[in-house]
Amino acid sequence: MGDLENEDAPVGIERPEQLNEVPRSFRGYLWVEDIYNVGPALGR
């Protein structure tokens, strides 16, 4: 995920299955790298 050449670059979600790693109690912001791929899964 994210820019592999720059270690300080933000890391974002690229695949819908990565959403399973976010706790349901999380109330912050998520960086999404590929909204066309991940977007439909955000409606869960």
C-alpha atoms as a PDB file:
ATOM      1  CA  MET A   1       0.000   0.000   0.000  1.00  0.00           C
ATOM      2  CA  GLY A   2       1.101   3.554  -0.565  1.00  0.00           C
ATOM      3  CA  ASP A   3       4.249   4.986  -2.096  1.00  0.00           C
ATOM      4  CA  LEU A   4       6.966   2.387  -1.573  1.00  0.00           C
ATOM      5  CA  GLU A   5       9.761   4.770  -2.541  1.00  0.00           C
ATOM      6  CA  ASN A   6       8.947   7.294   0.206  1.00  0.00           C
ATOM      7  CA  GLU A   7       8.719   5.828   3.712  1.00  0.00           C
ATOM      8  CA  ASP A   8       7.068   9.024   5.032  1.00  0.00           C
ATOM      9  CA  ALA A   9       4.229   8.975   2.493  1.00  0.00           C
ATOM     10  CA  PRO A  10       0.719   8.280   3.794  1.00  0.00           C
ATOM     11  CA  VAL A  11      -0.474   4.698   3.465  1.00  0.00           C
ATOM     12  CA  GLY A  12      -3.954   4.050   2.153  1.00  0.00           C
ATOM     13  CA  ILE A  13      -6.430   1.260   1.606  1.00  0.00           C
ATOM     14  CA  GLU A  14      -6.317  -0.217  -1.900  1.00  0.00           C
ATOM     15  CA  ARG A  15      -8.463  -3.365  -1.594  1.00  0.00           C
ATOM     16  CA  PRO A  16     -11.909  -3.923  -0.037  1.00  0.00           C
ATOM     17  CA  GLU A  17     -10.656  -6.859   2.051  1.00  0.00           C
ATOM     18  CA  GLN A  18      -8.331  -4.472   3.910  1.00  0.00           C
ATOM     19  CA  LEU A  19     -11.399  -2.909   5.534  1.00  0.00           C
ATOM     20  CA  ASN A  20     -11.645  -6.021   7.714  1.00  0.00           C
ATOM     21  CA  GLU A  21      -8.457  -4.832   9.464  1.00  0.00           C
ATOM     22  CA  VAL A  22     -10.168  -1.619  10.649  1.00  0.00           C
ATOM     23  CA  PRO A  23     -11.926  -2.084  14.012  1.00  0.00           C
ATOM     24  CA  ARG A  24     -15.674  -1.351  13.958  1.00  0.00           C
ATOM     25  CA  SER A  25     -15.117   1.024  16.877  1.00  0.00           C
ATOM     26  CA  PHE A  26     -12.699   3.173  14.790  1.00  0.00           C
ATOM     27  CA  ARG A  27     -14.109   6.704  14.437  1.00  0.00           C
ATOM     28  CA  GLY A  28     -11.256   8.413  12.565  1.00  0.00           C
ATOM     29  CA  TYR A  29     -10.432   9.004   8.927  1.00  0.00           C
ATOM     30  CA  LEU A  30      -9.226   6.437   6.402  1.00  0.00           C
ATOM     31  CA  TRP A  31      -6.928   7.207   3.495  1.00  0.00           C
ATOM     32  CA  VAL A  32      -8.280   5.379   0.441  1.00  0.00           C
ATOM     33  CA  GLU A  33      -5.871   4.965  -2.469  1.00  0.00           C
ATOM     34  CA  ASP A  34      -8.376   3.373  -4.875  1.00  0.00           C
ATOM     35  CA  ILE A  35     -11.877   4.705  -4.230  1.00  0.00           C
ATOM     36  CA  TYR A  36     -13.294   2.993  -7.321  1.00  0.00           C
ATOM     37  CA  ASN A  37     -12.281  -0.389  -5.943  1.00  0.00           C
ATOM     38  CA  VAL A  38     -12.846   0.230  -2.216  1.00  0.00           C
ATOM     39  CA  GLY A  39     -15.795   2.648  -2.385  1.00  0.00           C
ATOM     40  CA  PRO A  40     -18.602   0.115  -2.876  1.00  0.00           C
ATOM     41  CA  ALA A  41     -17.411  -1.833   0.200  1.00  0.00           C
ATOM     42  CA  LEU A  42     -17.602   1.278   2.390  1.00  0.00           C
ATOM     43  CA  GLY A  43     -21.387   0.981   2.456  1.00  0.00           C
ATOM     44  CA  ARG A  44     -21.166  -2.000   4.801  1.00  0.00           C
END
